[in-house]
Amino acid sequence: MKITDLKPEIVWKYFNEITKVPRPSKKEGQIIEFLLNFAREHHLEWKKDEAGNVLIAKPATKGMENRPTVILQSHMDMVCEKNNDIKHDFENDPIETIVDGEWIHAKGTTLGADNGIGIAAELALLASDDLAHGPIECLFTVDEETGLTGAKAIKEGFMTGEILLNLDSEDEGQIFMGCAGGKDTQAIFHYTPTEAPADKVYLRVDVKGLNGGHSGGEIHKGLGNANKILVRYLFLLKKKYPFILCAIDGGNLRNAIAREAHAVIGIDSEWKEEARVMLNHFAADIENELKHVDPAVRLEMTTTEQPATYIDENTAERLIYALHACPHGVIGMSHDIEGLVETSTNLASVKMKEGNTILVGTSQRSSIESCKTAVANQVVATFLLAGAEVTQGDGYPGWAPNPDSKILKIARETYQTLFHKEAQIMAIHAGLECGLFLEKYPYLDMISFGPTMRDVHSPNERLEIASVGLWWRHLTELLKSIPAINN
């Protein structure tokens, strides 16, 4: 079966078209032009701001003119992750989609359903002539995944509605009324490259086979973090057998749990087998720890060529100690909403950069601002103690739940009417752009909802086909059910 054979046909038609348009974060030029061409072809009013955000407006259908304007919002960019054995250029190549039973996924890459399916639903609404709705504004923001810069750049007056439907959630049947705020913390280690001696054996240690996932929505699952696993082994090895660290690399994006990591070390030949035996024992421990959440985890050691240089021993030691000490995972659970992660931190990436520097990327989240600051400062302290330079981003605010929201009440009632069951009303630990919109538009009444996705931000990302139809029915019924302004 092809993706275009799925129902609702109009939604899958546009999702299929979107998968053919490259849209990495901060490189959304092609998808912006795609959206503008769509607006022109359908004779719809549109505007684009300096950041690249696009808004396309559609008048109310006949008889719905007295309804309030509703903003529907999705982000254009996608997380670009792929398996090492897949050749894919995210800036030029289309995503290769596969319909696999009840799910759709991509061939060895992220699917981009986060948030491509939201874009597709908006375009389907804009293109349809048989759906009842009041005036709508479809907002498409740039760079949600790596900085929320599009939402931050939105200016007052760019949109006019007082109701906003964010289409960037990942569980059908759940309606979200709040989200966590976030902050990024980076550490920079400067090292002195030293000529690698010829009398060492050089080994590459790989951590692979992990699922990875969203550092907000899936942090509670206890998934393996390749950076933490790798450095645990290096720490254990360093306690028994001296080695030099030549290279280290792990993870990619701040909002993804690291799936793969590797290091290259140099060790005396007499300790080579001991290092391998230690890895085997350690691998068995890791497999046991993660057997329920990451059963495919693998740790491998291979002999490799002698590199030109290694990281000076003082810096390597401070780096290993700091990475081992750096917290990762759930820090605290909410006392207000049962089952909600309140505070977490993600050891996202370790990268060797030009200028003899090593950049460590981390991300902190919390639904309580003071707790977000506290865990971010804990990470700062860890790396300051190790002698690193530390910087922090401005972060983004959370979205405080509003149980008295009118649009929440309508969404809950329409879901009950359609499906004869209650929707789950929740807050989410992942970051959404809603908190940033409230800074410029404090009167907005908002909810977030979407179809079911799993393993987003990883090559295992998949979208449940049936859930798209259910979500689409709910979305269209919700728009039809919004009462007139005078009611």
Protein backbone atom coordinates (compact mmCIF):
# COMPACT_ATOMS: atom_id res chain seq x y z
CA MET A 1 0.00 0.00 0.00
CA LYS A 2 1.17 3.53 -0.81
CA ILE A 3 0.88 6.47 1.54
CA THR A 4 -1.52 8.17 -0.88
CA ASP A 5 -3.93 5.23 -0.56
CA LEU A 6 -4.49 5.95 3.13
CA LYS A 7 -7.48 7.79 4.56
CA PRO A 8 -8.27 10.59 5.12
CA GLU A 9 -6.88 11.01 1.62
CA ILE A 10 -6.47 14.78 1.68
CA VAL A 11 -4.33 14.72 4.83
CA TRP A 12 -2.08 11.93 3.56
CA LYS A 13 -1.84 13.66 0.16
CA TYR A 14 -0.27 16.71 1.74
CA PHE A 15 1.86 14.72 4.17
CA ASN A 16 3.28 12.81 1.22
CA GLU A 17 4.09 16.08 -0.54
CA ILE A 18 5.75 17.47 2.59
CA THR A 19 8.05 14.44 2.93
CA LYS A 20 9.50 15.34 -0.46
CA VAL A 21 10.51 18.82 0.69
CA PRO A 22 13.80 19.04 2.68
CA ARG A 23 13.31 21.04 5.88
CA PRO A 24 16.16 20.79 8.40
CA SER A 25 16.07 23.25 11.28
CA LYS A 26 17.43 26.67 10.30
CA LYS A 27 17.30 25.62 6.63
CA GLU A 28 13.58 25.86 5.95
CA GLY A 29 13.82 27.81 2.68
CA GLN A 30 12.35 25.06 0.51
CA ILE A 31 9.36 24.38 2.77
CA ILE A 32 8.70 28.12 3.10
CA GLU A 33 8.52 28.41 -0.69
CA PHE A 34 6.31 25.31 -0.81
CA LEU A 35 3.84 26.94 1.59
CA LEU A 36 3.83 30.26 -0.25
CA ASN A 37 3.22 28.52 -3.57
CA PHE A 38 0.34 26.61 -1.95
CA ALA A 39 -1.21 29.89 -0.77
CA ARG A 40 -0.85 31.45 -4.22
CA GLU A 41 -2.35 28.42 -5.97
CA HIS A 42 -5.37 28.45 -3.65
CA HIS A 43 -5.77 32.26 -3.80
CA LEU A 44 -5.37 32.61 -0.05
CA GLU A 45 -3.99 35.60 1.82
CA TRP A 46 -0.54 35.02 3.27
CA LYS A 47 2.31 36.82 4.94
CA LYS A 48 5.85 35.99 6.00
CA ASP A 49 7.83 37.70 8.73
CA GLU A 50 11.56 38.41 8.94
CA ALA A 51 12.25 35.12 10.75
CA GLY A 52 10.57 33.07 8.01
CA ASN A 53 7.32 32.28 9.84
CA VAL A 54 4.39 31.97 7.44
CA LEU A 55 0.72 32.69 8.10
CA ILE A 56 -1.99 31.70 5.62
CA ALA A 57 -5.55 32.92 6.26
CA LYS A 58 -8.85 31.47 5.03
CA PRO A 59 -12.26 33.10 5.46
CA ALA A 60 -15.11 31.39 7.26
CA THR A 61 -17.31 29.01 5.34
CA LYS A 62 -20.88 30.11 4.62
CA GLY A 63 -22.94 30.51 7.78
CA MET A 64 -19.86 30.46 10.08
CA GLU A 65 -18.84 34.09 9.67
CA ASN A 66 -19.81 34.98 13.27
CA ARG A 67 -17.34 32.48 14.76
CA PRO A 68 -14.09 33.71 16.36
CA THR A 69 -10.87 33.38 14.38
CA VAL A 70 -8.94 30.22 15.23
CA ILE A 71 -5.18 29.92 14.78
CA LEU A 72 -3.86 26.47 13.87
CA GLN A 73 -0.13 26.12 14.43
CA SER A 74 2.63 23.70 13.45
CA HIS A 75 6.38 24.02 12.97
CA MET A 76 8.06 23.56 9.61
CA ASP A 77 11.38 22.04 10.61
CA MET A 78 12.16 18.42 11.44
CA VAL A 79 14.82 16.60 13.44
CA CYS A 80 17.34 15.09 11.02
CA GLU A 81 18.62 11.79 12.40
CA LYS A 82 19.66 8.70 10.45
CA ASN A 83 21.27 5.34 11.01
CA ASN A 84 24.97 5.20 10.21
CA ASP A 85 24.45 2.72 7.39
CA ILE A 86 21.98 4.98 5.56
CA LYS A 87 23.13 7.49 2.95
CA HIS A 88 20.78 10.45 3.13
CA ASP A 89 21.28 14.18 2.58
CA PHE A 90 18.59 15.93 4.62
CA GLU A 91 19.19 19.21 2.78
CA ASN A 92 18.43 17.72 -0.63
CA ASP A 93 16.90 14.23 -0.45
CA PRO A 94 13.21 13.41 0.09
CA ILE A 95 12.20 11.21 3.01
CA GLU A 96 11.51 7.65 1.86
CA THR A 97 8.29 6.58 3.58
CA ILE A 98 7.20 3.00 4.24
CA VAL A 99 3.67 1.86 5.09
CA ASP A 100 4.22 -0.99 7.53
CA GLY A 101 0.99 -2.53 8.83
CA GLU A 102 -0.63 -0.09 11.25
CA TRP A 103 2.27 2.37 11.12
CA ILE A 104 4.18 4.52 8.69
CA HIS A 105 7.92 5.12 9.10
CA ALA A 106 10.93 6.13 7.02
CA LYS A 107 13.79 4.10 5.62
CA GLY A 108 16.53 4.52 8.23
CA THR A 109 15.82 8.20 8.95
CA THR A 110 13.47 10.30 10.99
CA LEU A 111 10.05 10.47 9.37
CA GLY A 112 9.34 14.13 10.05
CA ALA A 113 5.79 13.46 11.23
CA ASP A 114 6.93 15.76 14.02
CA ASN A 115 5.55 18.17 12.87
CA GLY A 116 4.88 17.37 9.21
CA ILE A 117 1.53 15.78 9.99
CA GLY A 118 0.45 19.04 11.63
CA ILE A 119 1.42 20.97 8.50
CA ALA A 120 -0.49 18.43 6.38
CA ALA A 121 -3.66 18.86 8.45
CA GLU A 122 -3.48 22.63 8.13
CA LEU A 123 -3.03 22.45 4.36
CA ALA A 124 -5.91 19.98 4.14
CA LEU A 125 -8.15 22.44 5.97
CA LEU A 126 -7.04 25.31 3.77
CA ALA A 127 -7.62 23.30 0.58
CA SER A 128 -10.96 21.73 1.54
CA ASP A 129 -14.26 23.14 0.34
CA ASP A 130 -16.55 20.76 2.25
CA LEU A 131 -15.65 21.51 5.87
CA ALA A 132 -17.51 23.95 8.11
CA HIS A 133 -15.37 26.38 10.08
CA GLY A 134 -15.07 29.98 11.11
CA PRO A 135 -12.20 32.19 9.93
CA ILE A 136 -8.87 30.38 10.36
CA GLU A 137 -5.23 31.43 10.38
CA CYS A 138 -2.67 28.72 9.75
CA LEU A 139 0.66 29.57 11.35
CA PHE A 140 3.82 27.72 10.34
CA THR A 141 6.89 28.50 12.46
CA VAL A 142 10.57 27.92 11.73
CA ASP A 143 13.31 26.36 13.85
CA GLU A 144 11.23 24.87 16.64
CA GLU A 145 13.55 21.92 17.12
CA THR A 146 16.87 23.69 17.68
CA GLY A 147 16.01 27.01 19.27
CA LEU A 148 12.32 27.96 19.01
CA THR A 149 13.60 31.03 17.19
CA GLY A 150 10.51 31.29 15.00
CA ALA A 151 8.13 31.44 17.95
CA LYS A 152 10.46 33.82 19.77
CA ALA A 153 10.46 36.16 16.76
CA ILE A 154 6.66 36.35 16.35
CA LYS A 155 5.61 39.98 16.71
CA GLU A 156 2.39 41.42 18.07
CA GLY A 157 -0.23 41.70 15.34
CA PHE A 158 1.17 38.96 13.10
CA MET A 159 -1.84 36.80 13.96
CA THR A 160 -5.28 37.98 15.06
CA GLY A 161 -7.13 34.99 16.55
CA GLU A 162 -7.83 34.52 20.25
CA ILE A 163 -7.93 30.70 20.12
CA LEU A 164 -4.85 28.67 19.20
CA LEU A 165 -4.76 24.96 18.37
CA ASN A 166 -1.20 23.66 18.51
CA LEU A 167 -0.92 20.50 16.39
CA ASP A 168 2.42 19.30 17.77
CA SER A 169 1.46 16.59 20.28
CA GLU A 170 2.02 12.87 19.92
CA ASP A 171 -0.80 10.82 21.47
CA GLU A 172 -4.28 10.67 19.98
CA GLY A 173 -6.92 10.93 22.66
CA GLN A 174 -4.79 13.21 24.82
CA ILE A 175 -5.42 16.95 24.97
CA PHE A 176 -2.61 19.01 26.44
CA MET A 177 -3.17 22.20 28.40
CA GLY A 178 0.39 22.96 29.55
CA CYS A 179 4.06 22.22 28.89
CA ALA A 180 7.49 22.55 30.42
CA GLY A 181 9.94 25.36 29.88
CA GLY A 182 13.51 24.66 28.86
CA LYS A 183 17.08 25.88 28.89
CA ASP A 184 20.28 24.77 27.14
CA THR A 185 23.66 24.58 28.88
CA GLN A 186 26.91 24.12 26.95
CA ALA A 187 30.40 23.37 28.23
CA ILE A 188 33.60 23.93 26.25
CA PHE A 189 36.85 22.14 27.02
CA HIS A 190 40.05 23.44 25.43
CA TYR A 191 42.72 20.80 24.91
CA THR A 192 46.29 20.58 23.72
CA PRO A 193 46.72 18.09 20.87
CA THR A 194 49.72 15.86 21.54
CA GLU A 195 51.45 13.63 19.02
CA ALA A 196 50.14 10.08 19.31
CA PRO A 197 52.93 7.59 20.14
CA ALA A 198 53.58 4.62 17.87
CA ASP A 199 54.00 2.14 20.72
CA LYS A 200 50.30 2.07 21.65
CA VAL A 201 47.47 -0.13 20.42
CA TYR A 202 44.57 2.02 19.24
CA LEU A 203 41.02 0.87 19.90
CA ARG A 204 37.66 2.26 18.90
CA VAL A 205 34.83 1.74 21.39
CA ASP A 206 31.28 2.07 20.04
CA VAL A 207 27.93 2.27 21.79
CA LYS A 208 25.10 1.63 19.36
CA GLY A 209 21.70 0.01 18.92
CA LEU A 210 19.88 2.33 21.32
CA ASN A 211 16.42 3.63 20.50
CA GLY A 212 17.11 7.24 21.38
CA GLY A 213 14.04 9.43 21.48
CA HIS A 214 12.62 12.77 22.53
CA SER A 215 14.37 14.20 25.57
CA GLY A 216 11.09 15.62 26.84
CA GLY A 217 8.34 13.22 25.88
CA GLU A 218 10.38 10.05 26.46
CA ILE A 219 12.83 10.98 29.21
CA HIS A 220 10.72 9.09 31.78
CA LYS A 221 11.21 5.76 30.00
CA GLY A 222 14.75 5.27 31.29
CA LEU A 223 16.15 4.85 27.77
CA GLY A 224 19.86 4.37 27.41
CA ASN A 225 22.00 7.44 26.74
CA ALA A 226 25.02 6.52 24.60
CA ASN A 227 27.14 9.34 26.04
CA LYS A 228 26.58 8.19 29.61
CA ILE A 229 27.22 4.54 28.75
CA LEU A 230 30.44 5.32 26.89
CA VAL A 231 31.86 7.47 29.65
CA ARG A 232 30.94 4.91 32.31
CA TYR A 233 33.19 2.44 30.52
CA LEU A 234 36.00 4.99 30.09
CA PHE A 235 35.81 5.84 33.79
CA LEU A 236 36.01 2.16 34.80
CA LEU A 237 38.89 1.55 32.41
CA LYS A 238 40.80 4.57 33.65
CA LYS A 239 40.68 3.30 37.23
CA LYS A 240 42.59 0.13 36.28
CA TYR A 241 44.52 0.65 33.02
CA PRO A 242 46.10 3.90 31.84
CA PHE A 243 45.12 5.01 28.34
CA ILE A 244 45.13 8.13 26.19
CA LEU A 245 41.94 9.56 24.72
CA CYS A 246 42.29 10.42 21.05
CA ALA A 247 38.70 11.11 20.00
CA ILE A 248 35.22 11.18 21.42
CA ASP A 249 31.87 11.80 19.77
CA GLY A 250 28.28 11.14 20.79
CA GLY A 251 24.74 12.32 20.23
CA ASN A 252 23.59 15.19 18.05
CA LEU A 253 20.63 17.34 18.97
CA ARG A 254 19.85 18.96 22.31
CA ASN A 255 16.32 17.54 22.34
CA ALA A 256 17.24 13.97 21.45
CA ILE A 257 18.53 11.26 23.77
CA ALA A 258 21.90 10.15 22.40
CA ARG A 259 21.60 6.89 20.42
CA GLU A 260 25.23 6.38 19.41
CA ALA A 261 28.64 7.37 20.73
CA HIS A 262 32.24 6.32 20.23
CA ALA A 263 35.73 6.98 21.49
CA VAL A 264 39.21 6.17 20.20
CA ILE A 265 41.79 5.31 22.86
CA GLY A 266 45.45 4.33 22.89
CA ILE A 267 46.56 1.68 25.36
CA ASP A 268 49.67 -0.41 26.02
CA SER A 269 49.49 -3.71 24.14
CA GLU A 270 49.76 -5.63 27.41
CA TRP A 271 46.41 -4.19 28.54
CA LYS A 272 44.52 -4.68 25.25
CA GLU A 273 42.85 -7.96 26.20
CA GLU A 274 42.07 -6.75 29.71
CA ALA A 275 40.33 -3.72 28.19
CA ARG A 276 38.32 -5.99 25.91
CA VAL A 277 37.34 -8.33 28.77
CA MET A 278 36.31 -5.33 30.86
CA LEU A 279 34.14 -4.11 27.98
CA ASN A 280 32.48 -7.51 27.66
CA HIS A 281 31.62 -7.57 31.36
CA PHE A 282 30.42 -3.99 31.26
CA ALA A 283 28.32 -4.70 28.14
CA ALA A 284 26.60 -7.55 29.96
CA ASP A 285 25.71 -5.16 32.79
CA ILE A 286 24.32 -2.58 30.37
CA GLU A 287 22.30 -5.19 28.47
CA ASN A 288 20.78 -6.30 31.77
CA GLU A 289 20.03 -2.74 32.86
CA LEU A 290 18.33 -1.85 29.57
CA LYS A 291 16.76 -5.18 28.60
CA HIS A 292 13.22 -3.82 28.90
CA VAL A 293 13.72 -0.48 27.12
CA ASP A 294 16.76 -0.87 24.82
CA PRO A 295 17.16 -4.59 24.15
CA ALA A 296 19.28 -4.02 21.01
CA VAL A 297 22.07 -2.08 22.76
CA ARG A 298 25.57 -3.10 21.67
CA LEU A 299 29.06 -2.21 22.84
CA GLU A 300 31.85 -3.01 20.41
CA MET A 301 35.63 -2.68 20.41
CA THR A 302 37.71 -2.72 17.22
CA THR A 303 41.36 -2.10 16.48
CA THR A 304 41.88 1.10 14.51
CA GLU A 305 44.69 3.06 12.87
CA GLN A 306 47.03 5.24 14.85
CA PRO A 307 45.62 8.79 14.92
CA ALA A 308 47.85 11.82 14.52
CA THR A 309 47.20 13.25 17.99
CA TYR A 310 45.48 12.67 21.29
CA ILE A 311 43.81 14.93 23.85
CA ASP A 312 46.23 16.02 26.56
CA GLU A 313 45.82 13.81 29.61
CA ASN A 314 44.73 16.55 32.01
CA THR A 315 41.86 17.65 29.78
CA ALA A 316 40.85 14.08 28.97
CA GLU A 317 40.65 13.23 32.66
CA ARG A 318 38.60 16.33 33.50
CA LEU A 319 36.27 15.63 30.56
CA ILE A 320 35.65 12.00 31.53
CA TYR A 321 35.04 12.88 35.18
CA ALA A 322 32.67 15.74 34.27
CA LEU A 323 30.65 13.67 31.80
CA HIS A 324 30.34 10.89 34.34
CA ALA A 325 29.19 13.33 37.03
CA CYS A 326 26.83 15.29 34.78
CA PRO A 327 23.22 14.40 35.66
CA HIS A 328 20.94 12.90 33.04
CA GLY A 329 17.29 11.84 33.14
CA VAL A 330 14.34 12.58 35.41
CA ILE A 331 15.21 14.84 38.33
CA GLY A 332 11.73 15.18 39.84
CA MET A 333 8.08 14.31 39.29
CA SER A 334 5.18 16.74 39.52
CA HIS A 335 3.23 17.00 42.77
CA ASP A 336 0.34 18.68 40.92
CA ILE A 337 -0.29 16.32 37.99
CA GLU A 338 0.10 12.61 38.63
CA GLY A 339 2.59 10.88 36.34
CA LEU A 340 3.99 14.11 34.86
CA VAL A 341 7.75 14.59 34.82
CA GLU A 342 8.38 17.95 36.45
CA THR A 343 12.13 18.39 35.94
CA SER A 344 14.73 16.63 33.80
CA THR A 345 18.08 17.09 32.07
CA ASN A 346 19.59 15.54 28.96
CA LEU A 347 23.31 14.98 28.28
CA ALA A 348 22.72 15.44 24.59
CA SER A 349 26.02 15.61 22.73
CA VAL A 350 29.81 15.53 22.94
CA LYS A 351 31.60 16.91 19.87
CA MET A 352 35.22 17.65 18.99
CA LYS A 353 35.33 20.98 17.16
CA GLU A 354 37.85 23.09 15.28
CA GLY A 355 40.26 25.06 17.40
CA ASN A 356 41.09 22.12 19.67
CA THR A 357 37.83 22.34 21.59
CA ILE A 358 35.31 19.79 22.82
CA LEU A 359 31.71 20.98 23.02
CA VAL A 360 29.27 19.31 25.42
CA GLY A 361 25.60 20.06 24.84
CA THR A 362 22.91 19.58 27.48
CA SER A 363 19.25 20.55 27.85
CA GLN A 364 17.15 21.11 30.96
CA ARG A 365 13.35 21.18 31.28
CA SER A 366 10.88 21.89 34.06
CA SER A 367 7.29 22.99 34.53
CA ILE A 368 8.53 25.05 37.51
CA GLU A 369 10.84 27.91 36.59
CA SER A 370 12.89 27.76 39.79
CA CYS A 371 13.48 24.02 39.34
CA LYS A 372 14.58 24.57 35.75
CA THR A 373 17.09 27.12 36.99
CA ALA A 374 18.28 24.82 39.77
CA VAL A 375 19.01 21.81 37.56
CA ALA A 376 20.62 24.02 34.92
CA ASN A 377 22.89 25.46 37.60
CA GLN A 378 23.71 21.93 38.79
CA VAL A 379 24.98 21.17 35.28
CA VAL A 380 26.85 24.47 35.22
CA ALA A 381 28.54 23.67 38.54
CA THR A 382 29.58 20.21 37.34
CA PHE A 383 31.45 21.60 34.35
CA LEU A 384 32.86 24.65 36.15
CA LEU A 385 34.43 22.31 38.69
CA ALA A 386 36.04 20.50 35.75
CA GLY A 387 37.56 23.72 34.45
CA ALA A 388 35.34 24.11 31.39
CA GLU A 389 33.88 27.29 29.98
CA VAL A 390 30.10 27.24 30.42
CA THR A 391 27.40 29.16 28.54
CA GLN A 392 23.61 29.07 28.71
CA GLY A 393 20.90 29.99 26.24
CA ASP A 394 18.01 32.29 27.06
CA GLY A 395 15.67 29.32 27.32
CA TYR A 396 11.95 29.38 26.78
CA PRO A 397 9.01 29.67 29.17
CA GLY A 398 6.61 26.95 30.15
CA TRP A 399 2.88 27.09 29.49
CA ALA A 400 0.95 27.06 32.75
CA PRO A 401 -2.16 24.81 32.67
CA ASN A 402 -5.54 26.55 32.58
CA PRO A 403 -8.24 24.05 33.68
CA ASP A 404 -10.91 26.72 33.00
CA SER A 405 -9.99 27.08 29.31
CA LYS A 406 -13.08 27.41 27.08
CA ILE A 407 -11.45 25.72 24.09
CA LEU A 408 -10.36 22.87 26.35
CA LYS A 409 -13.98 22.38 27.42
CA ILE A 410 -15.18 22.31 23.79
CA ALA A 411 -12.41 19.93 22.76
CA ARG A 412 -13.27 17.58 25.60
CA GLU A 413 -17.00 17.63 24.77
CA THR A 414 -16.51 17.07 21.04
CA TYR A 415 -14.20 14.14 21.71
CA GLN A 416 -16.78 12.56 24.00
CA THR A 417 -19.53 13.08 21.42
CA LEU A 418 -17.48 11.59 18.58
CA PHE A 419 -15.91 8.61 20.28
CA HIS A 420 -18.12 7.98 23.34
CA LYS A 421 -15.17 8.11 25.71
CA GLU A 422 -13.26 10.70 27.66
CA ALA A 423 -10.13 12.30 26.28
CA GLN A 424 -7.19 12.48 28.68
CA ILE A 425 -6.50 16.04 29.77
CA MET A 426 -2.79 16.44 30.44
CA ALA A 427 0.28 18.61 30.61
CA ILE A 428 3.41 17.55 28.74
CA HIS A 429 7.06 17.58 29.77
CA ALA A 430 8.21 18.30 26.23
CA GLY A 431 8.53 21.92 25.20
CA LEU A 432 5.93 23.53 22.96
CA GLU A 433 5.86 26.97 21.40
CA CYS A 434 2.70 27.88 23.32
CA GLY A 435 4.51 29.53 26.23
CA LEU A 436 6.32 31.86 23.84
CA PHE A 437 3.08 32.83 22.10
CA LEU A 438 1.60 33.81 25.47
CA GLU A 439 4.40 36.32 26.01
CA LYS A 440 3.20 38.34 22.99
CA TYR A 441 -0.47 37.30 23.05
CA PRO A 442 -1.36 36.82 26.75
CA TYR A 443 -5.09 36.48 25.97
CA LEU A 444 -4.71 33.31 23.86
CA ASP A 445 -6.85 30.33 24.82
CA MET A 446 -4.85 27.26 23.76
CA ILE A 447 -4.72 23.49 23.61
CA SER A 448 -2.35 21.07 21.90
CA PHE A 449 -3.30 17.72 20.36
CA GLY A 450 -2.14 15.37 17.63
CA PRO A 451 -2.06 11.79 16.33
CA THR A 452 -0.01 9.00 17.88
CA MET A 453 3.73 8.92 17.19
CA ARG A 454 6.49 6.88 18.72
CA ASP A 455 10.29 7.23 18.91
CA VAL A 456 10.27 10.76 17.53
CA HIS A 457 13.66 12.39 17.03
CA SER A 458 15.12 9.00 16.08
CA PRO A 459 15.26 6.87 12.91
CA ASN A 460 12.64 4.64 14.56
CA GLU A 461 10.09 7.47 14.42
CA ARG A 462 6.70 6.16 13.32
CA LEU A 463 3.18 7.47 12.95
CA GLU A 464 0.08 5.39 13.71
CA ILE A 465 -2.11 5.45 10.61
CA ALA A 466 -5.51 4.97 12.28
CA SER A 467 -4.82 7.71 14.82
CA VAL A 468 -4.47 10.28 12.04
CA GLY A 469 -8.06 9.65 10.95
CA LEU A 470 -9.37 9.91 14.52
CA TRP A 471 -7.43 13.12 15.16
CA TRP A 472 -8.61 14.63 11.87
CA ARG A 473 -12.24 13.87 12.76
CA HIS A 474 -11.76 15.52 16.15
CA LEU A 475 -10.04 18.57 14.65
CA THR A 476 -12.72 19.20 12.05
CA GLU A 477 -15.56 18.60 14.54
CA LEU A 478 -13.91 20.97 17.01
CA LEU A 479 -13.69 23.75 14.43
CA LYS A 480 -17.36 23.24 13.52
CA SER A 481 -18.40 23.30 17.21
CA ILE A 482 -16.81 26.56 18.29
CA PRO A 483 -19.76 28.80 19.29
CA ALA A 484 -20.57 32.17 17.74
CA ILE A 485 -18.96 35.23 19.25
CA ASN A 486 -22.23 36.44 20.77
CA ASN A 487 -22.88 33.14 22.60
